[in-house]
C-alpha atoms as a PDB file:
ATOM      1  CA  ALA A   1     -29.383   9.103 182.602  1.00  0.00           C
ATOM      2  CA  ASP A   2     -32.983   8.255 183.415  1.00  0.00           C
ATOM      3  CA  SER A   3     -33.186   5.775 180.547  1.00  0.00           C
ATOM      4  CA  GLY A   4     -30.107   3.853 181.738  1.00  0.00           C
ATOM      5  CA  LEU A   5     -28.209   4.699 178.555  1.00  0.00           C
ATOM      6  CA  ARG A   6     -25.049   5.596 180.478  1.00  0.00           C
ATOM      7  CA  SER A   7     -25.115   2.274 182.321  1.00  0.00           C
ATOM      8  CA  ARG A   8     -25.598   0.312 179.079  1.00  0.00           C
ATOM      9  CA  LEU A   9     -22.787   2.240 177.405  1.00  0.00           C
ATOM     10  CA  ASP A  10     -20.461   1.534 180.335  1.00  0.00           C
ATOM     11  CA  LYS A  11     -21.288  -2.188 180.194  1.00  0.00           C
ATOM     12  CA  ALA A  12     -20.749  -2.286 176.420  1.00  0.00           C
ATOM     13  CA  LEU A  13     -17.404  -0.510 176.786  1.00  0.00           C
ATOM     14  CA  GLN A  14     -16.285  -2.937 179.508  1.00  0.00           C
ATOM     15  CA  ALA A  15     -17.303  -5.923 177.373  1.00  0.00           C
ATOM     16  CA  GLY A  16     -15.402  -4.524 174.399  1.00  0.00           C
ATOM     17  CA  LEU A  17     -12.273  -3.951 176.476  1.00  0.00           C
ATOM     18  CA  MET A  18     -12.458  -7.518 177.804  1.00  0.00           C
ATOM     19  CA  VAL A  19     -12.640  -8.883 174.240  1.00  0.00           C
ATOM     20  CA  ILE A  20      -9.667  -6.767 173.160  1.00  0.00           C
ATOM     21  CA  ALA A  21      -7.644  -7.932 176.183  1.00  0.00           C
ATOM     22  CA  CYS A  22      -8.391 -11.597 175.547  1.00  0.00           C
ATOM     23  CA  HIS A  23      -7.809 -11.499 171.801  1.00  0.00           C
ATOM     24  CA  SER A  24      -4.441  -9.790 172.211  1.00  0.00           C
ATOM     25  CA  SER A  25      -3.252 -12.192 174.913  1.00  0.00           C
ATOM     26  CA  LEU A  26      -0.903 -15.138 174.612  1.00  0.00           C
ATOM     27  CA  ARG A  27      -2.271 -18.363 173.247  1.00  0.00           C
ATOM     28  CA  ALA A  28      -1.605 -21.960 174.266  1.00  0.00           C
ATOM     29  CA  ARG A  29       1.631 -23.382 172.874  1.00  0.00           C
ATOM     30  CA  GLN A  30       2.903 -19.914 171.944  1.00  0.00           C
ATOM     31  CA  ARG A  31       6.672 -19.943 172.384  1.00  0.00           C
ATOM     32  CA  LEU A  32       8.368 -17.243 174.439  1.00  0.00           C
ATOM     33  CA  SER A  33      12.012 -16.529 175.172  1.00  0.00           C
ATOM     34  CA  ARG A  34      13.161 -16.410 178.798  1.00  0.00           C
ATOM     35  CA  VAL A  35      13.371 -12.620 178.546  1.00  0.00           C
ATOM     36  CA  GLU A  36       9.766 -12.455 177.295  1.00  0.00           C
ATOM     37  CA  MET A  37       8.636 -14.801 180.078  1.00  0.00           C
ATOM     38  CA  ARG A  38      10.292 -12.700 182.778  1.00  0.00           C
ATOM     39  CA  ALA A  39       8.844  -9.486 181.329  1.00  0.00           C
ATOM     40  CA  LEU A  40       5.375 -11.026 181.191  1.00  0.00           C
ATOM     41  CA  ILE A  41       5.533 -12.198 184.813  1.00  0.00           C
ATOM     42  CA  GLY A  42       6.776  -8.753 185.855  1.00  0.00           C
ATOM     43  CA  GLN A  43       3.829  -7.090 184.103  1.00  0.00           C
ATOM     44  CA  LEU A  44       1.392  -9.592 185.586  1.00  0.00           C
ATOM     45  CA  LEU A  45       2.617  -8.911 189.116  1.00  0.00           C
ATOM     46  CA  GLN A  46       2.000  -5.179 188.614  1.00  0.00           C
ATOM     47  CA  CYS A  47      -1.688  -5.735 187.801  1.00  0.00           C
ATOM     48  CA  GLY A  48      -4.252  -5.091 190.486  1.00  0.00           C
ATOM     49  CA  HIS A  49      -6.208  -8.277 189.786  1.00  0.00           C
ATOM     50  CA  SER A  50      -3.468 -10.490 188.395  1.00  0.00           C
ATOM     51  CA  GLY A  51      -4.895 -13.767 189.710  1.00  0.00           C
ATOM     52  CA  HIS A  52      -7.533 -14.034 186.996  1.00  0.00           C
ATOM     53  CA  CYS A  53      -8.405 -12.811 183.503  1.00  0.00           C
ATOM     54  CA  PRO A  54     -11.352 -10.473 182.842  1.00  0.00           C
ATOM     55  CA  HIS A  55     -13.578 -13.536 182.404  1.00  0.00           C
ATOM     56  CA  GLY A  56     -12.589 -14.940 185.791  1.00  0.00           C
ATOM     57  CA  ARG A  57     -10.248 -17.696 184.576  1.00  0.00           C
ATOM     58  CA  PRO A  58      -7.100 -18.183 186.669  1.00  0.00           C
ATOM     59  CA  THR A  59      -3.854 -16.788 185.277  1.00  0.00           C
ATOM     60  CA  TRP A  60      -1.771 -19.142 187.413  1.00  0.00           C
ATOM     61  CA  VAL A  61      -2.069 -22.004 189.861  1.00  0.00           C
ATOM     62  CA  GLU A  62       0.131 -22.837 192.812  1.00  0.00           C
ATOM     63  CA  MET A  63       1.227 -26.430 193.258  1.00  0.00           C
ATOM     64  CA  GLU A  64       3.376 -28.175 195.834  1.00  0.00           C
ATOM     65  CA  THR A  65       6.494 -29.905 194.499  1.00  0.00           C
ATOM     66  CA  LYS A  66       5.129 -33.288 195.617  1.00  0.00           C
ATOM     67  CA  GLU A  67       1.924 -32.738 193.633  1.00  0.00           C
ATOM     68  CA  LEU A  68       3.924 -31.793 190.528  1.00  0.00           C
ATOM     69  CA  GLU A  69       6.114 -34.897 190.938  1.00  0.00           C
ATOM     70  CA  ARG A  70       3.020 -37.071 191.399  1.00  0.00           C
ATOM     71  CA  ARG A  71       1.415 -35.731 188.227  1.00  0.00           C
ATOM     72  CA  PHE A  72       4.558 -36.528 186.246  1.00  0.00           C
ATOM     73  CA  GLY A  73       4.800 -40.019 187.676  1.00  0.00           C
ATOM     74  CA  ARG A  74       7.880 -39.346 189.809  1.00  0.00           C
ATOM     75  CA  ILE A  75       6.168 -40.445 193.009  1.00  0.00           C
ATOM     76  CA  VAL A  76       3.048 -42.462 193.722  1.00  0.00           C
END
């Protein structure tokens, strides 16, 4: 404990778990059925820190309907 070995081991374990979580996650353009989408959202909502991944990237963004319409050229 005096050498900080426990602390380094804990940090290494956390880093390894973050890598495993990211590498087993969904990738861009990966197709999901509606059932899979609903299950995924349900699991996400049960997480304690569901607003971001272990690296701090957002898992979702909230957007007003007007902003969404503007981005798709529906309104100016």
